[in-house]
Amino acid sequence: MSDTLTTSKNRRIAYHKTEGSGPGVVFLGGFKSDMEGTKAVHLEDWAKEHGRAFLRFDYSGHGESSEAFTDGCIGDWADDAVETILTLTEGPQILVGSSMGGWISLLVAKRHPEKLAGLVGIAAAPDFTEDGYWAGFSDAQKAEVMETGQIAMPSDYGEPYILTRRLFEDGRNQLVLRDPFPIHVPVRLMQGTEDDAVERSVALALLDHLDGADIQLTFVKHVDHRFSDEACLAMIVGAVEEVSALA
């Protein structure tokens, strides 16, 4: 049974918190994903086994949290993450961001660098609303978004994604690859070569853009966007342990 945090914007955020030593680890999930995914639960199991503080949660419009998915946007979900982390964790945290969670973790880091002990990105997808979807749309698709307020896009993960005009317009206010991004904690990025949702160029762009002393990117051959087989899960845990030792 999840616990619930009511935010200052009256959104109810469902979460699971594991008490333990620091630095704490926070898992930030992907677009239309939830906190019950393989990676989040595996990290929680690792945290419990090692007595580490851990937090996983659902953004509003995701999983068990309140609100409709189509009413949300990157800024809303970043607000959810910031408030949840500030309220439920103590001290600097290692943020583990999967796909969109990689973007959200960067927004958290930018707003509250004092809460950051390290960053682990799994197929991180910064700026994907603009550089992924919008950049790939035809003029007709862009017109559909602007005129009807939304567009349905096929998904490999079930029903089509409904992408809203608000998602794109807000996304332009949340971009992280346009301005300098200094970061003063260890960063570990992982990317599968067979990822058809996030191209390799995105991982390389993020590596080049972040300005820090200890930033590493690992490509894993024959691995797709899920990045959740046993070998990948072990890599994620290894990255968290490495960053923890440096924190």
C-alpha atoms as a PDB file:
ATOM      1  CA  MET A   1       0.000   0.000   0.000  1.00  0.00           C
ATOM      2  CA  SER A   2       1.435   3.332  -1.067  1.00  0.00           C
ATOM      3  CA  ASP A   3       1.662   6.373   1.157  1.00  0.00           C
ATOM      4  CA  THR A   4       0.415   9.699  -0.192  1.00  0.00           C
ATOM      5  CA  LEU A   5       1.790  13.233  -0.087  1.00  0.00           C
ATOM      6  CA  THR A   6      -0.516  16.151  -0.883  1.00  0.00           C
ATOM      7  CA  THR A   7       1.492  18.884  -2.565  1.00  0.00           C
ATOM      8  CA  SER A   8       1.087  22.645  -2.278  1.00  0.00           C
ATOM      9  CA  LYS A   9      -0.871  22.465  -5.573  1.00  0.00           C
ATOM     10  CA  ASN A  10      -3.232  19.907  -4.034  1.00  0.00           C
ATOM     11  CA  ARG A  11      -1.953  17.016  -6.126  1.00  0.00           C
ATOM     12  CA  ARG A  12      -1.787  13.667  -4.320  1.00  0.00           C
ATOM     13  CA  ILE A  13       1.539  11.960  -4.967  1.00  0.00           C
ATOM     14  CA  ALA A  14       1.735   8.236  -4.224  1.00  0.00           C
ATOM     15  CA  TYR A  15       5.084   6.998  -2.963  1.00  0.00           C
ATOM     16  CA  HIS A  16       7.032   4.223  -1.254  1.00  0.00           C
ATOM     17  CA  LYS A  17       9.770   5.295   1.146  1.00  0.00           C
ATOM     18  CA  THR A  18      12.431   3.040   2.638  1.00  0.00           C
ATOM     19  CA  GLU A  19      14.214   4.301   5.736  1.00  0.00           C
ATOM     20  CA  GLY A  20      17.969   3.866   5.881  1.00  0.00           C
ATOM     21  CA  SER A  21      21.362   5.515   5.766  1.00  0.00           C
ATOM     22  CA  GLY A  22      22.453   8.143   3.263  1.00  0.00           C
ATOM     23  CA  PRO A  23      23.041   9.382   0.797  1.00  0.00           C
ATOM     24  CA  GLY A  24      19.471   8.479  -0.079  1.00  0.00           C
ATOM     25  CA  VAL A  25      18.525   7.209  -3.527  1.00  0.00           C
ATOM     26  CA  VAL A  26      15.492   8.551  -5.419  1.00  0.00           C
ATOM     27  CA  PHE A  27      14.104   6.864  -8.534  1.00  0.00           C
ATOM     28  CA  LEU A  28      12.443   9.113 -11.113  1.00  0.00           C
ATOM     29  CA  GLY A  29      10.425   7.219 -13.694  1.00  0.00           C
ATOM     30  CA  GLY A  30       9.708   7.794 -17.336  1.00  0.00           C
ATOM     31  CA  PHE A  31       6.934   9.295 -19.452  1.00  0.00           C
ATOM     32  CA  LYS A  32       3.633   7.553 -18.631  1.00  0.00           C
ATOM     33  CA  SER A  33       5.555   5.012 -16.553  1.00  0.00           C
ATOM     34  CA  ASP A  34       5.067   4.348 -12.844  1.00  0.00           C
ATOM     35  CA  MET A  35       6.949   3.435  -9.686  1.00  0.00           C
ATOM     36  CA  GLU A  36       6.114  -0.279  -9.996  1.00  0.00           C
ATOM     37  CA  GLY A  37       8.545  -0.782 -12.870  1.00  0.00           C
ATOM     38  CA  THR A  38      11.342  -3.351 -12.778  1.00  0.00           C
ATOM     39  CA  LYS A  39      14.162  -0.842 -12.256  1.00  0.00           C
ATOM     40  CA  ALA A  40      12.455   1.025  -9.413  1.00  0.00           C
ATOM     41  CA  VAL A  41      11.507  -2.119  -7.518  1.00  0.00           C
ATOM     42  CA  HIS A  42      14.939  -3.687  -8.050  1.00  0.00           C
ATOM     43  CA  LEU A  43      16.643  -0.610  -6.607  1.00  0.00           C
ATOM     44  CA  GLU A  44      14.262  -0.652  -3.663  1.00  0.00           C
ATOM     45  CA  ASP A  45      15.162  -4.285  -2.972  1.00  0.00           C
ATOM     46  CA  TRP A  46      18.848  -3.369  -3.117  1.00  0.00           C
ATOM     47  CA  ALA A  47      18.294  -0.435  -0.741  1.00  0.00           C
ATOM     48  CA  LYS A  48      16.460  -2.593   1.793  1.00  0.00           C
ATOM     49  CA  GLU A  49      19.183  -5.246   1.635  1.00  0.00           C
ATOM     50  CA  HIS A  50      21.888  -2.661   2.275  1.00  0.00           C
ATOM     51  CA  GLY A  51      20.070  -0.450   4.779  1.00  0.00           C
ATOM     52  CA  ARG A  52      19.927   2.517   2.421  1.00  0.00           C
ATOM     53  CA  ALA A  53      17.313   5.247   2.281  1.00  0.00           C
ATOM     54  CA  PHE A  54      15.239   4.990  -0.904  1.00  0.00           C
ATOM     55  CA  LEU A  55      12.246   6.734  -2.447  1.00  0.00           C
ATOM     56  CA  ARG A  56      10.122   5.920  -5.482  1.00  0.00           C
ATOM     57  CA  PHE A  57       6.966   7.830  -6.417  1.00  0.00           C
ATOM     58  CA  ASP A  58       4.465   8.517  -9.186  1.00  0.00           C
ATOM     59  CA  TYR A  59       4.229  11.954 -10.793  1.00  0.00           C
ATOM     60  CA  SER A  60       0.709  13.377 -10.960  1.00  0.00           C
ATOM     61  CA  GLY A  61      -1.221  11.738 -13.792  1.00  0.00           C
ATOM     62  CA  HIS A  62       0.951   8.630 -13.478  1.00  0.00           C
ATOM     63  CA  GLY A  63       0.395   5.351 -11.648  1.00  0.00           C
ATOM     64  CA  GLU A  64      -1.423   5.744  -8.334  1.00  0.00           C
ATOM     65  CA  SER A  65      -1.140   9.535  -8.077  1.00  0.00           C
ATOM     66  CA  SER A  66      -4.016  11.959  -8.686  1.00  0.00           C
ATOM     67  CA  GLU A  67      -4.827  13.974 -11.808  1.00  0.00           C
ATOM     68  CA  ALA A  68      -5.182  12.992 -15.459  1.00  0.00           C
ATOM     69  CA  PHE A  69      -2.078  12.248 -17.496  1.00  0.00           C
ATOM     70  CA  THR A  70      -3.235  14.536 -20.320  1.00  0.00           C
ATOM     71  CA  ASP A  71      -3.553  17.488 -17.906  1.00  0.00           C
ATOM     72  CA  GLY A  72       0.128  17.303 -16.956  1.00  0.00           C
ATOM     73  CA  CYS A  73       3.366  18.601 -18.429  1.00  0.00           C
ATOM     74  CA  ILE A  74       7.100  18.510 -17.736  1.00  0.00           C
ATOM     75  CA  GLY A  75       6.914  21.526 -15.424  1.00  0.00           C
ATOM     76  CA  ASP A  76       4.150  19.937 -13.352  1.00  0.00           C
ATOM     77  CA  TRP A  77       6.056  16.683 -12.995  1.00  0.00           C
ATOM     78  CA  ALA A  78       9.256  18.520 -12.096  1.00  0.00           C
ATOM     79  CA  ASP A  79       7.300  20.417  -9.422  1.00  0.00           C
ATOM     80  CA  ASP A  80       5.986  17.089  -8.106  1.00  0.00           C
ATOM     81  CA  ALA A  81       9.511  15.700  -7.949  1.00  0.00           C
ATOM     82  CA  VAL A  82      10.960  18.755  -6.219  1.00  0.00           C
ATOM     83  CA  GLU A  83       8.258  18.906  -3.565  1.00  0.00           C
ATOM     84  CA  THR A  84       8.322  15.159  -2.955  1.00  0.00           C
ATOM     85  CA  ILE A  85      12.106  15.093  -2.592  1.00  0.00           C
ATOM     86  CA  LEU A  86      12.259  18.199  -0.386  1.00  0.00           C
ATOM     87  CA  THR A  87       9.492  16.886   1.869  1.00  0.00           C
ATOM     88  CA  LEU A  88      10.384  13.214   2.154  1.00  0.00           C
ATOM     89  CA  THR A  89      14.180  13.046   2.054  1.00  0.00           C
ATOM     90  CA  GLU A  90      16.984  14.283   4.284  1.00  0.00           C
ATOM     91  CA  GLY A  91      20.285  15.562   2.956  1.00  0.00           C
ATOM     92  CA  PRO A  92      21.719  15.207  -0.535  1.00  0.00           C
ATOM     93  CA  GLN A  93      20.279  12.433  -2.707  1.00  0.00           C
ATOM     94  CA  ILE A  94      21.450  10.293  -5.605  1.00  0.00           C
ATOM     95  CA  LEU A  95      18.853  10.840  -8.318  1.00  0.00           C
ATOM     96  CA  VAL A  96      18.309   7.896 -10.660  1.00  0.00           C
ATOM     97  CA  GLY A  97      16.373   9.115 -13.686  1.00  0.00           C
ATOM     98  CA  SER A  98      14.983   6.764 -16.324  1.00  0.00           C
ATOM     99  CA  SER A  99      14.097   8.247 -19.725  1.00  0.00           C
ATOM    100  CA  MET A 100      11.959  11.335 -18.962  1.00  0.00           C
ATOM    101  CA  GLY A 101      13.096  10.886 -15.353  1.00  0.00           C
ATOM    102  CA  GLY A 102      16.566  11.835 -16.561  1.00  0.00           C
ATOM    103  CA  TRP A 103      15.179  15.192 -17.710  1.00  0.00           C
ATOM    104  CA  ILE A 104      13.224  15.642 -14.473  1.00  0.00           C
ATOM    105  CA  SER A 105      16.310  14.826 -12.391  1.00  0.00           C
ATOM    106  CA  LEU A 106      18.258  17.539 -14.216  1.00  0.00           C
ATOM    107  CA  LEU A 107      15.496  20.054 -13.482  1.00  0.00           C
ATOM    108  CA  VAL A 108      15.599  19.055  -9.803  1.00  0.00           C
ATOM    109  CA  ALA A 109      19.393  19.413  -9.834  1.00  0.00           C
ATOM    110  CA  LYS A 110      19.163  22.848 -11.417  1.00  0.00           C
ATOM    111  CA  ARG A 111      16.605  24.110  -8.910  1.00  0.00           C
ATOM    112  CA  HIS A 112      18.116  22.516  -5.799  1.00  0.00           C
ATOM    113  CA  PRO A 113      21.796  21.657  -6.321  1.00  0.00           C
ATOM    114  CA  GLU A 114      22.160  21.332  -2.540  1.00  0.00           C
ATOM    115  CA  LYS A 115      19.961  18.202  -2.683  1.00  0.00           C
ATOM    116  CA  LEU A 116      22.222  16.441  -5.167  1.00  0.00           C
ATOM    117  CA  ALA A 117      24.813  13.842  -4.141  1.00  0.00           C
ATOM    118  CA  GLY A 118      25.043  12.211  -7.551  1.00  0.00           C
ATOM    119  CA  LEU A 119      23.165  11.563 -10.766  1.00  0.00           C
ATOM    120  CA  VAL A 120      22.509   8.304 -12.603  1.00  0.00           C
ATOM    121  CA  GLY A 121      20.796   8.539 -15.986  1.00  0.00           C
ATOM    122  CA  ILE A 122      19.245   5.504 -17.705  1.00  0.00           C
ATOM    123  CA  ALA A 123      18.425   6.292 -21.343  1.00  0.00           C
ATOM    124  CA  ALA A 124      17.982   9.881 -20.184  1.00  0.00           C
ATOM    125  CA  ALA A 125      15.688  11.898 -22.451  1.00  0.00           C
ATOM    126  CA  PRO A 126      16.239  15.611 -21.819  1.00  0.00           C
ATOM    127  CA  ASP A 127      14.237  18.022 -24.005  1.00  0.00           C
ATOM    128  CA  PHE A 128      12.422  15.136 -25.751  1.00  0.00           C
ATOM    129  CA  THR A 129       9.186  17.054 -26.305  1.00  0.00           C
ATOM    130  CA  GLU A 130      11.009  19.607 -28.457  1.00  0.00           C
ATOM    131  CA  ASP A 131      14.001  17.758 -29.907  1.00  0.00           C
ATOM    132  CA  GLY A 132      12.283  14.384 -30.258  1.00  0.00           C
ATOM    133  CA  TYR A 133       8.582  14.634 -30.983  1.00  0.00           C
ATOM    134  CA  TRP A 134       8.173  18.225 -32.206  1.00  0.00           C
ATOM    135  CA  ALA A 135      11.313  18.218 -34.350  1.00  0.00           C
ATOM    136  CA  GLY A 136      10.101  15.017 -36.022  1.00  0.00           C
ATOM    137  CA  PHE A 137       6.542  16.157 -36.678  1.00  0.00           C
ATOM    138  CA  SER A 138       5.301  17.026 -40.136  1.00  0.00           C
ATOM    139  CA  ASP A 139       3.659  20.397 -40.709  1.00  0.00           C
ATOM    140  CA  ALA A 140       0.291  18.614 -40.635  1.00  0.00           C
ATOM    141  CA  GLN A 141       1.036  17.057 -37.246  1.00  0.00           C
ATOM    142  CA  LYS A 142       2.153  20.380 -35.811  1.00  0.00           C
ATOM    143  CA  ALA A 143      -1.023  21.981 -37.125  1.00  0.00           C
ATOM    144  CA  GLU A 144      -3.112  19.226 -35.507  1.00  0.00           C
ATOM    145  CA  VAL A 145      -1.522  19.910 -32.132  1.00  0.00           C
ATOM    146  CA  MET A 146      -2.030  23.652 -32.389  1.00  0.00           C
ATOM    147  CA  GLU A 147      -5.598  23.456 -33.714  1.00  0.00           C
ATOM    148  CA  THR A 148      -7.049  20.548 -31.712  1.00  0.00           C
ATOM    149  CA  GLY A 149      -4.826  20.778 -28.629  1.00  0.00           C
ATOM    150  CA  GLN A 150      -3.473  17.246 -28.876  1.00  0.00           C
ATOM    151  CA  ILE A 151      -2.225  14.413 -31.060  1.00  0.00           C
ATOM    152  CA  ALA A 152      -2.203  10.626 -30.570  1.00  0.00           C
ATOM    153  CA  MET A 153       1.124   8.912 -31.149  1.00  0.00           C
ATOM    154  CA  PRO A 154       1.647   5.130 -31.309  1.00  0.00           C
ATOM    155  CA  SER A 155       3.545   3.555 -28.428  1.00  0.00           C
ATOM    156  CA  ASP A 156       5.472   0.312 -28.041  1.00  0.00           C
ATOM    157  CA  TYR A 157       4.182   0.142 -24.467  1.00  0.00           C
ATOM    158  CA  GLY A 158       0.427  -0.198 -25.062  1.00  0.00           C
ATOM    159  CA  GLU A 159      -2.216   2.379 -25.954  1.00  0.00           C
ATOM    160  CA  PRO A 160      -1.207   5.478 -27.940  1.00  0.00           C
ATOM    161  CA  TYR A 161       0.309   8.427 -26.124  1.00  0.00           C
ATOM    162  CA  ILE A 162      -1.880  11.540 -26.157  1.00  0.00           C
ATOM    163  CA  LEU A 163       0.499  14.476 -26.489  1.00  0.00           C
ATOM    164  CA  THR A 164      -1.002  17.863 -25.721  1.00  0.00           C
ATOM    165  CA  ARG A 165      -0.311  21.370 -26.894  1.00  0.00           C
ATOM    166  CA  ARG A 166       0.378  22.285 -23.267  1.00  0.00           C
ATOM    167  CA  LEU A 167       3.016  19.526 -23.040  1.00  0.00           C
ATOM    168  CA  PHE A 168       4.937  21.076 -25.933  1.00  0.00           C
ATOM    169  CA  GLU A 169       4.489  24.699 -24.906  1.00  0.00           C
ATOM    170  CA  ASP A 170       5.522  24.049 -21.316  1.00  0.00           C
ATOM    171  CA  GLY A 171       8.376  21.808 -22.453  1.00  0.00           C
ATOM    172  CA  ARG A 172      10.005  24.788 -24.155  1.00  0.00           C
ATOM    173  CA  ASN A 173      10.261  26.460 -20.758  1.00  0.00           C
ATOM    174  CA  GLN A 174      11.998  23.416 -19.245  1.00  0.00           C
ATOM    175  CA  LEU A 175      14.765  22.758 -21.787  1.00  0.00           C
ATOM    176  CA  VAL A 176      18.141  21.896 -20.249  1.00  0.00           C
ATOM    177  CA  LEU A 177      20.412  21.489 -23.276  1.00  0.00           C
ATOM    178  CA  ARG A 178      20.349  25.139 -24.376  1.00  0.00           C
ATOM    179  CA  ASP A 179      22.071  26.911 -21.496  1.00  0.00           C
ATOM    180  CA  PRO A 180      25.270  26.069 -19.587  1.00  0.00           C
ATOM    181  CA  PHE A 181      24.741  23.282 -17.060  1.00  0.00           C
ATOM    182  CA  PRO A 182      27.508  23.083 -14.443  1.00  0.00           C
ATOM    183  CA  ILE A 183      27.243  20.041 -12.198  1.00  0.00           C
ATOM    184  CA  HIS A 184      29.476  19.355  -9.217  1.00  0.00           C
ATOM    185  CA  VAL A 185      28.631  15.734  -8.373  1.00  0.00           C
ATOM    186  CA  PRO A 186      29.496  12.417 -10.059  1.00  0.00           C
ATOM    187  CA  VAL A 187      27.296  11.568 -13.046  1.00  0.00           C
ATOM    188  CA  ARG A 188      26.876   8.129 -14.614  1.00  0.00           C
ATOM    189  CA  LEU A 189      24.894   7.825 -17.844  1.00  0.00           C
ATOM    190  CA  MET A 190      23.862   4.513 -19.458  1.00  0.00           C
ATOM    191  CA  GLN A 191      22.391   4.008 -22.913  1.00  0.00           C
ATOM    192  CA  GLY A 192      21.430   0.926 -24.933  1.00  0.00           C
ATOM    193  CA  THR A 193      22.517   0.837 -28.561  1.00  0.00           C
ATOM    194  CA  GLU A 194      19.168  -0.654 -29.647  1.00  0.00           C
ATOM    195  CA  ASP A 195      17.094   2.033 -27.938  1.00  0.00           C
ATOM    196  CA  ASP A 196      14.446   3.152 -30.452  1.00  0.00           C
ATOM    197  CA  ALA A 197      12.960   5.803 -28.139  1.00  0.00           C
ATOM    198  CA  VAL A 198      16.121   7.756 -27.278  1.00  0.00           C
ATOM    199  CA  GLU A 199      18.830   7.980 -29.918  1.00  0.00           C
ATOM    200  CA  ARG A 200      22.516   7.627 -29.101  1.00  0.00           C
ATOM    201  CA  SER A 201      23.000  11.239 -30.155  1.00  0.00           C
ATOM    202  CA  VAL A 202      20.923  12.346 -27.155  1.00  0.00           C
ATOM    203  CA  ALA A 203      23.244  10.581 -24.717  1.00  0.00           C
ATOM    204  CA  LEU A 204      26.275  12.107 -26.423  1.00  0.00           C
ATOM    205  CA  ALA A 205      24.700  15.571 -26.428  1.00  0.00           C
ATOM    206  CA  LEU A 206      24.024  15.297 -22.703  1.00  0.00           C
ATOM    207  CA  LEU A 207      27.578  14.089 -22.035  1.00  0.00           C
ATOM    208  CA  ASP A 208      28.978  17.026 -23.989  1.00  0.00           C
ATOM    209  CA  HIS A 209      26.614  19.561 -22.424  1.00  0.00           C
ATOM    210  CA  LEU A 210      27.040  18.796 -18.729  1.00  0.00           C
ATOM    211  CA  ASP A 211      30.015  20.643 -17.270  1.00  0.00           C
ATOM    212  CA  GLY A 212      31.554  18.650 -14.434  1.00  0.00           C
ATOM    213  CA  ALA A 213      34.724  16.878 -13.326  1.00  0.00           C
ATOM    214  CA  ASP A 214      33.328  13.328 -13.120  1.00  0.00           C
ATOM    215  CA  ILE A 215      30.856  12.466 -15.863  1.00  0.00           C
ATOM    216  CA  GLN A 216      30.833   9.090 -17.614  1.00  0.00           C
ATOM    217  CA  LEU A 217      28.659   7.597 -20.365  1.00  0.00           C
ATOM    218  CA  THR A 218      28.408   3.848 -20.994  1.00  0.00           C
ATOM    219  CA  PHE A 219      26.856   2.388 -24.145  1.00  0.00           C
ATOM    220  CA  VAL A 220      25.535  -1.167 -23.845  1.00  0.00           C
ATOM    221  CA  LYS A 221      25.278  -3.153 -27.060  1.00  0.00           C
ATOM    222  CA  HIS A 222      22.046  -4.972 -27.998  1.00  0.00           C
ATOM    223  CA  VAL A 223      20.053  -3.314 -25.183  1.00  0.00           C
ATOM    224  CA  ASP A 224      16.793  -1.468 -25.827  1.00  0.00           C
ATOM    225  CA  HIS A 225      14.998   1.382 -24.056  1.00  0.00           C
ATOM    226  CA  ARG A 226      13.710  -0.757 -21.200  1.00  0.00           C
ATOM    227  CA  PHE A 227      17.275  -1.337 -19.923  1.00  0.00           C
ATOM    228  CA  SER A 228      15.921  -3.838 -17.404  1.00  0.00           C
ATOM    229  CA  ASP A 229      17.421  -7.289 -17.952  1.00  0.00           C
ATOM    230  CA  GLU A 230      19.551  -8.768 -15.177  1.00  0.00           C
ATOM    231  CA  ALA A 231      22.823  -7.418 -16.572  1.00  0.00           C
ATOM    232  CA  CYS A 232      21.372  -3.913 -16.937  1.00  0.00           C
ATOM    233  CA  LEU A 233      19.899  -3.963 -13.432  1.00  0.00           C
ATOM    234  CA  ALA A 234      23.323  -4.945 -12.087  1.00  0.00           C
ATOM    235  CA  MET A 235      24.863  -2.027 -14.017  1.00  0.00           C
ATOM    236  CA  ILE A 236      22.371   0.399 -12.496  1.00  0.00           C
ATOM    237  CA  VAL A 237      23.112  -0.820  -8.969  1.00  0.00           C
ATOM    238  CA  GLY A 238      26.841  -0.669  -9.706  1.00  0.00           C
ATOM    239  CA  ALA A 239      26.513   2.938 -10.849  1.00  0.00           C
ATOM    240  CA  VAL A 240      24.601   3.879  -7.710  1.00  0.00           C
ATOM    241  CA  GLU A 241      27.200   2.180  -5.523  1.00  0.00           C
ATOM    242  CA  GLU A 242      30.040   3.910  -7.362  1.00  0.00           C
ATOM    243  CA  VAL A 243      28.441   7.316  -7.020  1.00  0.00           C
ATOM    244  CA  SER A 244      27.657   6.597  -3.356  1.00  0.00           C
ATOM    245  CA  ALA A 245      31.316   5.859  -2.652  1.00  0.00           C
ATOM    246  CA  LEU A 246      32.269   9.205  -4.181  1.00  0.00           C
ATOM    247  CA  ALA A 247      29.558  11.258  -2.504  1.00  0.00           C
END
